[in-house]
Amino acid sequence: MKIQADRIRGEIVARGFKQKDLAKALGITAHAFQYRLKTGRFNSDQLYTIAKMLKLENPWQIFFAEDIT
């Protein structure tokens, strides 16, 4: 499974946040947040914080997409 970065970015904008707001909540820099979003390298605590901050009802549908090969 991989992170759906575009959907996460869309949720951030739709809820009136900026990436730097989430970065601050995670205790990382905005640049580090962008890198992690691009590479999908968030740990479970960070994903939980993002889901809580964005008030996502079903975060797994937003965060992950199954790779079909």
PDB file of N, CA and C in Angstrom:
ATOM      1  N   MET A   1       0.838  -1.178   0.000  1.00  0.00           N
ATOM      2  CA  MET A   1       0.000   0.000   0.000  1.00  0.00           C
ATOM      3  C   MET A   1       0.883   1.242   0.000  1.00  0.00           C
ATOM      4  N   LYS A   2       0.394   2.282  -0.617  1.00  0.00           N
ATOM      5  CA  LYS A   2       1.161   3.518  -0.624  1.00  0.00           C
ATOM      6  C   LYS A   2       0.278   4.690  -0.232  1.00  0.00           C
ATOM      7  N   ILE A   3       0.906   5.732   0.239  1.00  0.00           N
ATOM      8  CA  ILE A   3       0.208   6.954   0.658  1.00  0.00           C
ATOM      9  C   ILE A   3      -0.372   7.660  -0.567  1.00  0.00           C
ATOM     10  N   GLN A   4      -1.592   8.144  -0.449  1.00  0.00           N
ATOM     11  CA  GLN A   4      -2.220   8.921  -1.507  1.00  0.00           C
ATOM     12  C   GLN A   4      -1.984  10.411  -1.222  1.00  0.00           C
ATOM     13  N   ALA A   5      -0.827  10.888  -1.607  1.00  0.00           N
ATOM     14  CA  ALA A   5      -0.403  12.249  -1.281  1.00  0.00           C
ATOM     15  C   ALA A   5      -1.378  13.307  -1.816  1.00  0.00           C
ATOM     16  N   ASP A   6      -1.871  13.127  -3.024  1.00  0.00           N
ATOM     17  CA  ASP A   6      -2.776  14.123  -3.599  1.00  0.00           C
ATOM     18  C   ASP A   6      -4.081  14.225  -2.813  1.00  0.00           C
ATOM     19  N   ARG A   7      -4.585  13.102  -2.353  1.00  0.00           N
ATOM     20  CA  ARG A   7      -5.826  13.130  -1.554  1.00  0.00           C
ATOM     21  C   ARG A   7      -5.587  13.790  -0.208  1.00  0.00           C
ATOM     22  N   ILE A   8      -4.429  13.519   0.386  1.00  0.00           N
ATOM     23  CA  ILE A   8      -4.109  14.155   1.674  1.00  0.00           C
ATOM     24  C   ILE A   8      -3.970  15.659   1.477  1.00  0.00           C
ATOM     25  N   ARG A   9      -3.273  16.070   0.423  1.00  0.00           N
ATOM     26  CA  ARG A   9      -3.143  17.503   0.140  1.00  0.00           C
ATOM     27  C   ARG A   9      -4.524  18.147  -0.041  1.00  0.00           C
ATOM     28  N   GLY A  10      -5.403  17.457  -0.751  1.00  0.00           N
ATOM     29  CA  GLY A  10      -6.758  17.960  -0.964  1.00  0.00           C
ATOM     30  C   GLY A  10      -7.524  18.126   0.337  1.00  0.00           C
ATOM     31  N   GLU A  11      -7.391  17.169   1.235  1.00  0.00           N
ATOM     32  CA  GLU A  11      -8.061  17.253   2.533  1.00  0.00           C
ATOM     33  C   GLU A  11      -7.497  18.401   3.366  1.00  0.00           C
ATOM     34  N   ILE A  12      -6.202  18.619   3.275  1.00  0.00           N
ATOM     35  CA  ILE A  12      -5.576  19.717   4.007  1.00  0.00           C
ATOM     36  C   ILE A  12      -6.181  21.046   3.550  1.00  0.00           C
ATOM     37  N   VAL A  13      -6.256  21.248   2.248  1.00  0.00           N
ATOM     38  CA  VAL A  13      -6.797  22.488   1.688  1.00  0.00           C
ATOM     39  C   VAL A  13      -8.297  22.612   1.991  1.00  0.00           C
ATOM     40  N   ALA A  14      -9.029  21.516   1.817  1.00  0.00           N
ATOM     41  CA  ALA A  14     -10.481  21.545   2.024  1.00  0.00           C
ATOM     42  C   ALA A  14     -10.856  21.929   3.450  1.00  0.00           C
ATOM     43  N   ARG A  15      -9.989  21.630   4.395  1.00  0.00           N
ATOM     44  CA  ARG A  15     -10.275  21.931   5.793  1.00  0.00           C
ATOM     45  C   ARG A  15      -9.614  23.213   6.275  1.00  0.00           C
ATOM     46  N   GLY A  16      -9.049  23.962   5.320  1.00  0.00           N
ATOM     47  CA  GLY A  16      -8.519  25.283   5.647  1.00  0.00           C
ATOM     48  C   GLY A  16      -7.155  25.302   6.314  1.00  0.00           C
ATOM     49  N   PHE A  17      -6.431  24.206   6.197  1.00  0.00           N
ATOM     50  CA  PHE A  17      -5.090  24.145   6.771  1.00  0.00           C
ATOM     51  C   PHE A  17      -4.047  24.354   5.684  1.00  0.00           C
ATOM     52  N   LYS A  18      -2.828  24.547   6.136  1.00  0.00           N
ATOM     53  CA  LYS A  18      -1.666  24.564   5.257  1.00  0.00           C
ATOM     54  C   LYS A  18      -0.760  23.429   5.713  1.00  0.00           C
ATOM     55  N   GLN A  19       0.088  22.974   4.819  1.00  0.00           N
ATOM     56  CA  GLN A  19       0.981  21.880   5.174  1.00  0.00           C
ATOM     57  C   GLN A  19       1.842  22.240   6.385  1.00  0.00           C
ATOM     58  N   LYS A  20       2.205  23.510   6.503  1.00  0.00           N
ATOM     59  CA  LYS A  20       3.041  23.917   7.637  1.00  0.00           C
ATOM     60  C   LYS A  20       2.294  23.772   8.958  1.00  0.00           C
ATOM     61  N   ASP A  21       0.954  23.880   8.942  1.00  0.00           N
ATOM     62  CA  ASP A  21       0.165  23.681  10.158  1.00  0.00           C
ATOM     63  C   ASP A  21       0.282  22.228  10.644  1.00  0.00           C
ATOM     64  N   LEU A  22       0.174  21.306   9.713  1.00  0.00           N
ATOM     65  CA  LEU A  22       0.303  19.903  10.085  1.00  0.00           C
ATOM     66  C   LEU A  22       1.728  19.579  10.487  1.00  0.00           C
ATOM     67  N   ALA A  23       2.692  20.158   9.791  1.00  0.00           N
ATOM     68  CA  ALA A  23       4.097  19.937  10.142  1.00  0.00           C
ATOM     69  C   ALA A  23       4.353  20.363  11.579  1.00  0.00           C
ATOM     70  N   LYS A  24       3.827  21.515  11.958  1.00  0.00           N
ATOM     71  CA  LYS A  24       4.009  22.013  13.323  1.00  0.00           C
ATOM     72  C   LYS A  24       3.386  21.053  14.336  1.00  0.00           C
ATOM     73  N   ALA A  25       2.189  20.552  14.023  1.00  0.00           N
ATOM     74  CA  ALA A  25       1.516  19.608  14.923  1.00  0.00           C
ATOM     75  C   ALA A  25       2.313  18.315  15.071  1.00  0.00           C
ATOM     76  N   LEU A  26       3.048  17.949  14.027  1.00  0.00           N
ATOM     77  CA  LEU A  26       3.855  16.731  14.056  1.00  0.00           C
ATOM     78  C   LEU A  26       5.238  16.964  14.645  1.00  0.00           C
ATOM     79  N   GLY A  27       5.585  18.239  14.842  1.00  0.00           N
ATOM     80  CA  GLY A  27       6.895  18.558  15.397  1.00  0.00           C
ATOM     81  C   GLY A  27       8.023  18.437  14.389  1.00  0.00           C
ATOM     82  N   ILE A  28       7.685  18.646  13.099  1.00  0.00           N
ATOM     83  CA  ILE A  28       8.694  18.588  12.044  1.00  0.00           C
ATOM     84  C   ILE A  28       8.613  19.870  11.220  1.00  0.00           C
ATOM     85  N   THR A  29       9.597  20.098  10.378  1.00  0.00           N
ATOM     86  CA  THR A  29       9.581  21.284   9.529  1.00  0.00           C
ATOM     87  C   THR A  29       8.617  21.075   8.357  1.00  0.00           C
ATOM     88  N   ALA A  30       8.226  22.175   7.731  1.00  0.00           N
ATOM     89  CA  ALA A  30       7.359  22.096   6.557  1.00  0.00           C
ATOM     90  C   ALA A  30       8.051  21.310   5.448  1.00  0.00           C
ATOM     91  N   HIS A  31       9.358  21.515   5.309  1.00  0.00           N
ATOM     92  CA  HIS A  31      10.111  20.782   4.292  1.00  0.00           C
ATOM     93  C   HIS A  31      10.090  19.280   4.583  1.00  0.00           C
ATOM     94  N   ALA A  32      10.273  18.917   5.829  1.00  0.00           N
ATOM     95  CA  ALA A  32      10.239  17.499   6.214  1.00  0.00           C
ATOM     96  C   ALA A  32       8.850  16.912   5.957  1.00  0.00           C
ATOM     97  N   PHE A  33       7.803  17.689   6.219  1.00  0.00           N
ATOM     98  CA  PHE A  33       6.440  17.213   5.962  1.00  0.00           C
ATOM     99  C   PHE A  33       6.252  16.945   4.472  1.00  0.00           C
ATOM    100  N   GLN A  34       6.698  17.882   3.633  1.00  0.00           N
ATOM    101  CA  GLN A  34       6.578  17.705   2.181  1.00  0.00           C
ATOM    102  C   GLN A  34       7.329  16.458   1.724  1.00  0.00           C
ATOM    103  N   TYR A  35       8.519  16.252   2.272  1.00  0.00           N
ATOM    104  CA  TYR A  35       9.307  15.078   1.912  1.00  0.00           C
ATOM    105  C   TYR A  35       8.588  13.797   2.328  1.00  0.00           C
ATOM    106  N   ARG A  36       8.075  13.783   3.541  1.00  0.00           N
ATOM    107  CA  ARG A  36       7.379  12.583   4.026  1.00  0.00           C
ATOM    108  C   ARG A  36       6.115  12.326   3.229  1.00  0.00           C
ATOM    109  N   LEU A  37       5.425  13.387   2.830  1.00  0.00           N
ATOM    110  CA  LEU A  37       4.232  13.233   2.013  1.00  0.00           C
ATOM    111  C   LEU A  37       4.608  12.634   0.654  1.00  0.00           C
ATOM    112  N   LYS A  38       5.699  13.104   0.103  1.00  0.00           N
ATOM    113  CA  LYS A  38       6.166  12.605  -1.197  1.00  0.00           C
ATOM    114  C   LYS A  38       6.609  11.145  -1.122  1.00  0.00           C
ATOM    115  N   THR A  39       7.292  10.786  -0.051  1.00  0.00           N
ATOM    116  CA  THR A  39       7.839   9.432   0.075  1.00  0.00           C
ATOM    117  C   THR A  39       6.922   8.473   0.831  1.00  0.00           C
ATOM    118  N   GLY A  40       5.913   9.018   1.515  1.00  0.00           N
ATOM    119  CA  GLY A  40       5.003   8.180   2.289  1.00  0.00           C
ATOM    120  C   GLY A  40       5.590   7.690   3.597  1.00  0.00           C
ATOM    121  N   ARG A  41       6.579   8.385   4.101  1.00  0.00           N
ATOM    122  CA  ARG A  41       7.276   7.935   5.315  1.00  0.00           C
ATOM    123  C   ARG A  41       6.737   8.612   6.575  1.00  0.00           C
ATOM    124  N   PHE A  42       5.523   8.257   6.931  1.00  0.00           N
ATOM    125  CA  PHE A  42       4.928   8.703   8.181  1.00  0.00           C
ATOM    126  C   PHE A  42       4.810   7.490   9.092  1.00  0.00           C
ATOM    127  N   ASN A  43       5.037   7.687  10.376  1.00  0.00           N
ATOM    128  CA  ASN A  43       4.802   6.575  11.294  1.00  0.00           C
ATOM    129  C   ASN A  43       3.337   6.598  11.730  1.00  0.00           C
ATOM    130  N   SER A  44       2.924   5.586  12.451  1.00  0.00           N
ATOM    131  CA  SER A  44       1.509   5.469  12.826  1.00  0.00           C
ATOM    132  C   SER A  44       1.041   6.625  13.705  1.00  0.00           C
ATOM    133  N   ASP A  45       1.893   7.107  14.588  1.00  0.00           N
ATOM    134  CA  ASP A  45       1.513   8.245  15.429  1.00  0.00           C
ATOM    135  C   ASP A  45       1.282   9.503  14.589  1.00  0.00           C
ATOM    136  N   GLN A  46       2.122   9.700  13.587  1.00  0.00           N
ATOM    137  CA  GLN A  46       1.967  10.868  12.715  1.00  0.00           C
ATOM    138  C   GLN A  46       0.692  10.756  11.892  1.00  0.00           C
ATOM    139  N   LEU A  47       0.393   9.574  11.369  1.00  0.00           N
ATOM    140  CA  LEU A  47      -0.841   9.388  10.608  1.00  0.00           C
ATOM    141  C   LEU A  47      -2.061   9.619  11.492  1.00  0.00           C
ATOM    142  N   TYR A  48      -1.989   9.164  12.732  1.00  0.00           N
ATOM    143  CA  TYR A  48      -3.086   9.385  13.676  1.00  0.00           C
ATOM    144  C   TYR A  48      -3.286  10.875  13.922  1.00  0.00           C
ATOM    145  N   THR A  49      -2.199  11.615  14.115  1.00  0.00           N
ATOM    146  CA  THR A  49      -2.284  13.060  14.348  1.00  0.00           C
ATOM    147  C   THR A  49      -2.878  13.770  13.141  1.00  0.00           C
ATOM    148  N   ILE A  50      -2.465  13.397  11.951  1.00  0.00           N
ATOM    149  CA  ILE A  50      -3.008  14.001  10.733  1.00  0.00           C
ATOM    150  C   ILE A  50      -4.502  13.717  10.635  1.00  0.00           C
ATOM    151  N   ALA A  51      -4.894  12.472  10.843  1.00  0.00           N
ATOM    152  CA  ALA A  51      -6.310  12.093  10.759  1.00  0.00           C
ATOM    153  C   ALA A  51      -7.143  12.849  11.777  1.00  0.00           C
ATOM    154  N   LYS A  52      -6.631  12.984  12.984  1.00  0.00           N
ATOM    155  CA  LYS A  52      -7.353  13.691  14.046  1.00  0.00           C
ATOM    156  C   LYS A  52      -7.471  15.180  13.722  1.00  0.00           C
ATOM    157  N   MET A  53      -6.383  15.779  13.266  1.00  0.00           N
ATOM    158  CA  MET A  53      -6.386  17.202  12.955  1.00  0.00           C
ATOM    159  C   MET A  53      -7.329  17.526  11.788  1.00  0.00           C
ATOM    160  N   LEU A  54      -7.361  16.639  10.787  1.00  0.00           N
ATOM    161  CA  LEU A  54      -8.226  16.857   9.625  1.00  0.00           C
ATOM    162  C   LEU A  54      -9.648  16.333   9.842  1.00  0.00           C
ATOM    163  N   LYS A  55      -9.867  15.697  11.005  1.00  0.00           N
ATOM    164  CA  LYS A  55     -11.176  15.126  11.350  1.00  0.00           C
ATOM    165  C   LYS A  55     -11.692  14.184  10.260  1.00  0.00           C
ATOM    166  N   LEU A  56     -10.827  13.259   9.868  1.00  0.00           N
ATOM    167  CA  LEU A  56     -11.173  12.285   8.839  1.00  0.00           C
ATOM    168  C   LEU A  56     -11.992  11.159   9.444  1.00  0.00           C
ATOM    169  N   GLU A  57     -13.116  10.836   8.816  1.00  0.00           N
ATOM    170  CA  GLU A  57     -13.971   9.765   9.325  1.00  0.00           C
ATOM    171  C   GLU A  57     -13.372   8.388   9.039  1.00  0.00           C
ATOM    172  N   ASN A  58     -12.849   8.202   7.866  1.00  0.00           N
ATOM    173  CA  ASN A  58     -12.236   6.928   7.504  1.00  0.00           C
ATOM    174  C   ASN A  58     -10.866   7.198   6.890  1.00  0.00           C
ATOM    175  N   PRO A  59      -9.875   7.455   7.737  1.00  0.00           N
ATOM    176  CA  PRO A  59      -8.566   7.882   7.240  1.00  0.00           C
ATOM    177  C   PRO A  59      -7.860   6.874   6.353  1.00  0.00           C
ATOM    178  N   TRP A  60      -8.131   5.572   6.527  1.00  0.00           N
ATOM    179  CA  TRP A  60      -7.405   4.573   5.734  1.00  0.00           C
ATOM    180  C   TRP A  60      -7.747   4.693   4.257  1.00  0.00           C
ATOM    181  N   GLN A  61      -8.955   5.110   3.918  1.00  0.00           N
ATOM    182  CA  GLN A  61      -9.309   5.312   2.519  1.00  0.00           C
ATOM    183  C   GLN A  61      -8.586   6.517   1.933  1.00  0.00           C
ATOM    184  N   ILE A  62      -8.302   7.492   2.765  1.00  0.00           N
ATOM    185  CA  ILE A  62      -7.586   8.678   2.311  1.00  0.00           C
ATOM    186  C   ILE A  62      -6.087   8.417   2.267  1.00  0.00           C
ATOM    187  N   PHE A  63      -5.559   7.800   3.314  1.00  0.00           N
ATOM    188  CA  PHE A  63      -4.117   7.616   3.410  1.00  0.00           C
ATOM    189  C   PHE A  63      -3.574   6.588   2.428  1.00  0.00           C
ATOM    190  N   PHE A  64      -4.264   5.472   2.281  1.00  0.00           N
ATOM    191  CA  PHE A  64      -3.665   4.368   1.532  1.00  0.00           C
ATOM    192  C   PHE A  64      -4.484   3.959   0.316  1.00  0.00           C
ATOM    193  N   ALA A  65      -3.761   3.562  -0.695  1.00  0.00           N
ATOM    194  CA  ALA A  65      -4.359   2.967  -1.897  1.00  0.00           C
ATOM    195  C   ALA A  65      -3.655   1.651  -2.111  1.00  0.00           C
ATOM    196  N   GLU A  66      -4.398   0.642  -2.456  1.00  0.00           N
ATOM    197  CA  GLU A  66      -3.772  -0.641  -2.723  1.00  0.00           C
ATOM    198  C   GLU A  66      -3.133  -0.585  -4.096  1.00  0.00           C
ATOM    199  N   ASP A  67      -1.927  -1.098  -4.170  1.00  0.00           N
ATOM    200  CA  ASP A  67      -1.251  -1.200  -5.459  1.00  0.00           C
ATOM    201  C   ASP A  67      -1.820  -2.413  -6.190  1.00  0.00           C
ATOM    202  N   ILE A  68      -2.229  -2.198  -7.411  1.00  0.00           N
ATOM    203  CA  ILE A  68      -2.739  -3.288  -8.232  1.00  0.00           C
ATOM    204  C   ILE A  68      -1.682  -3.610  -9.273  1.00  0.00           C
ATOM    205  N   THR A  69      -1.229  -4.847  -9.257  1.00  0.00           N
ATOM    206  CA  THR A  69      -0.173  -5.225 -10.202  1.00  0.00           C
ATOM    207  C   THR A  69      -0.665  -6.218 -11.209  1.00  0.00           C
TER     208      THR A  69
END
